[in-house]
Every structure is written in structure tokens, then in C-alpha cells.
């Protein structure tokens, strides 16, 4: 996984992202952007900014998992031989 240089997204998501970029440019930047320009912008974002977003998502997922498993030993622990221990 460390050898993957670029974050890739499925073809359908790619097409939706290109359309979203075109819409955003038209609505907020008063710029008509064709598919080629939007595709190039998306590729740039995925290559240059994508790793930062990916790393943050991994850090968030890791923190979530660690928070949920921090007390796993105490939650899952059962006293061994509970009847024998009480009789002593």
C-alpha cells in the first residue's frame, strides 16, 4: 500500500466529482469549466491534497478505534474460578 503514489477513486465517483467541480466553478467563481479542466483540477487535488485528507481520516479512525478499545481488557475480563474463589 505504501507504493501507491496517487489516491484513486472509482470511475463513477470520478465523474460525479468532475461534475461537482464544474458546478462549483460556475456557481461560486463565475467560471465555466469544461470536463478537461475539471478533470485536471480533480487529479491535482487527489495527488497533492488527497494524502493530507487521507492521513487525517486514518488518524480519526485510529483515534475512534483506540477510544473504543482502550478499556477492552477490563470490559472483557471475567474472573476465573469465581465459585472456588468465594469459598476461600
Protein backbone atom coordinates (compact mmCIF):
# COMPACT_ATOMS: atom_id res chain seq x y z
CA UNK A 1 0.00 0.00 0.00
CA UNK A 2 2.86 2.37 0.61
CA UNK A 3 3.84 2.16 -3.05
CA UNK A 4 0.60 3.71 -4.28
CA UNK A 5 1.55 7.24 -5.36
CA UNK A 6 -1.91 8.62 -6.08
CA UNK A 7 -5.25 8.30 -4.34
CA UNK A 8 -7.70 6.84 -6.80
CA UNK A 9 -11.46 6.90 -6.74
CA UNK A 10 -13.95 4.73 -8.65
CA UNK A 11 -14.82 5.85 -12.18
CA UNK A 12 -18.41 6.77 -11.24
CA UNK A 13 -17.23 8.86 -8.28
CA UNK A 14 -14.64 10.50 -10.52
CA UNK A 15 -17.33 11.53 -12.99
CA UNK A 16 -19.52 12.90 -10.18
CA UNK A 17 -16.56 14.82 -8.73
CA UNK A 18 -15.79 16.38 -12.12
CA UNK A 19 -19.43 17.44 -12.45
CA UNK A 20 -19.35 18.84 -8.91
CA UNK A 21 -16.22 20.88 -9.67
CA UNK A 22 -17.83 22.26 -12.82
CA UNK A 23 -20.95 23.24 -10.88
CA UNK A 24 -18.91 24.86 -8.11
CA UNK A 25 -16.85 26.87 -10.59
CA UNK A 26 -19.97 28.09 -12.36
CA UNK A 27 -21.87 28.98 -9.17
CA UNK A 28 -19.12 30.42 -7.00
CA UNK A 29 -16.34 31.52 -9.31
CA UNK A 30 -18.37 32.70 -12.31
CA UNK A 31 -16.16 30.40 -14.38
CA UNK A 32 -17.38 27.96 -16.96
CA UNK A 33 -15.11 24.95 -16.64
CA UNK A 34 -15.08 22.14 -19.15
CA UNK A 35 -14.64 18.47 -18.34
CA UNK A 36 -10.92 18.56 -19.17
CA UNK A 37 -10.16 21.45 -16.80
CA UNK A 38 -12.30 19.93 -14.04
CA UNK A 39 -10.61 16.56 -14.54
CA UNK A 40 -7.15 18.14 -14.32
CA UNK A 41 -8.14 20.03 -11.18
CA UNK A 42 -9.54 16.87 -9.60
CA UNK A 43 -6.39 14.93 -10.43
CA UNK A 44 -4.29 17.69 -8.85
CA UNK A 45 -6.41 17.68 -5.69
CA UNK A 46 -6.20 13.89 -5.42
CA UNK A 47 -2.43 13.89 -5.94
CA UNK A 48 -1.45 16.92 -3.89
CA UNK A 49 -4.14 17.45 -1.25
CA UNK A 50 -5.64 13.96 -1.12
CA UNK A 51 -2.87 12.45 1.04
CA UNK A 52 -3.48 15.08 3.74
CA UNK A 53 -7.20 14.28 3.80
CA UNK A 54 -6.44 10.54 3.76
CA UNK A 55 -3.97 10.84 6.65
CA UNK A 56 -6.48 12.79 8.72
CA UNK A 57 -9.18 10.22 8.03
CA UNK A 58 -6.84 7.43 9.12
CA UNK A 59 -5.90 9.38 12.27
CA UNK A 60 -9.59 9.93 13.06
CA UNK A 61 -10.40 6.26 12.52
CA UNK A 62 -7.46 5.20 14.65
CA UNK A 63 -8.46 7.55 17.49
CA UNK A 64 -12.02 6.25 17.31
CA UNK A 65 -10.83 2.64 17.43
CA UNK A 66 -8.35 3.29 20.25
CA UNK A 67 -11.01 5.09 22.28
CA UNK A 68 -13.38 2.16 21.89
CA UNK A 69 -10.75 -0.45 22.74
CA UNK A 70 -8.88 1.42 25.50
CA UNK A 71 -10.69 -0.41 28.27
CA UNK A 72 -11.23 -3.64 26.37
CA UNK A 73 -9.28 -5.76 28.86
CA UNK A 74 -11.41 -4.57 31.78
CA UNK A 75 -14.67 -4.85 29.87
CA UNK A 76 -13.96 -8.34 28.57
CA UNK A 77 -12.25 -9.77 31.65
CA UNK A 78 -14.01 -12.50 33.63
CA UNK A 79 -12.88 -13.75 37.00
CA UNK A 80 -11.58 -17.27 36.70
CA UNK A 81 -12.99 -19.88 39.04
CA UNK A 82 -15.46 -17.46 40.66
CA UNK A 83 -17.12 -20.13 42.82
CA UNK A 84 -13.86 -21.53 44.16
CA UNK A 85 -12.56 -18.03 44.92
CA UNK A 86 -15.65 -17.18 47.03
CA UNK A 87 -15.29 -20.30 49.21
CA UNK A 88 -11.79 -19.44 50.40
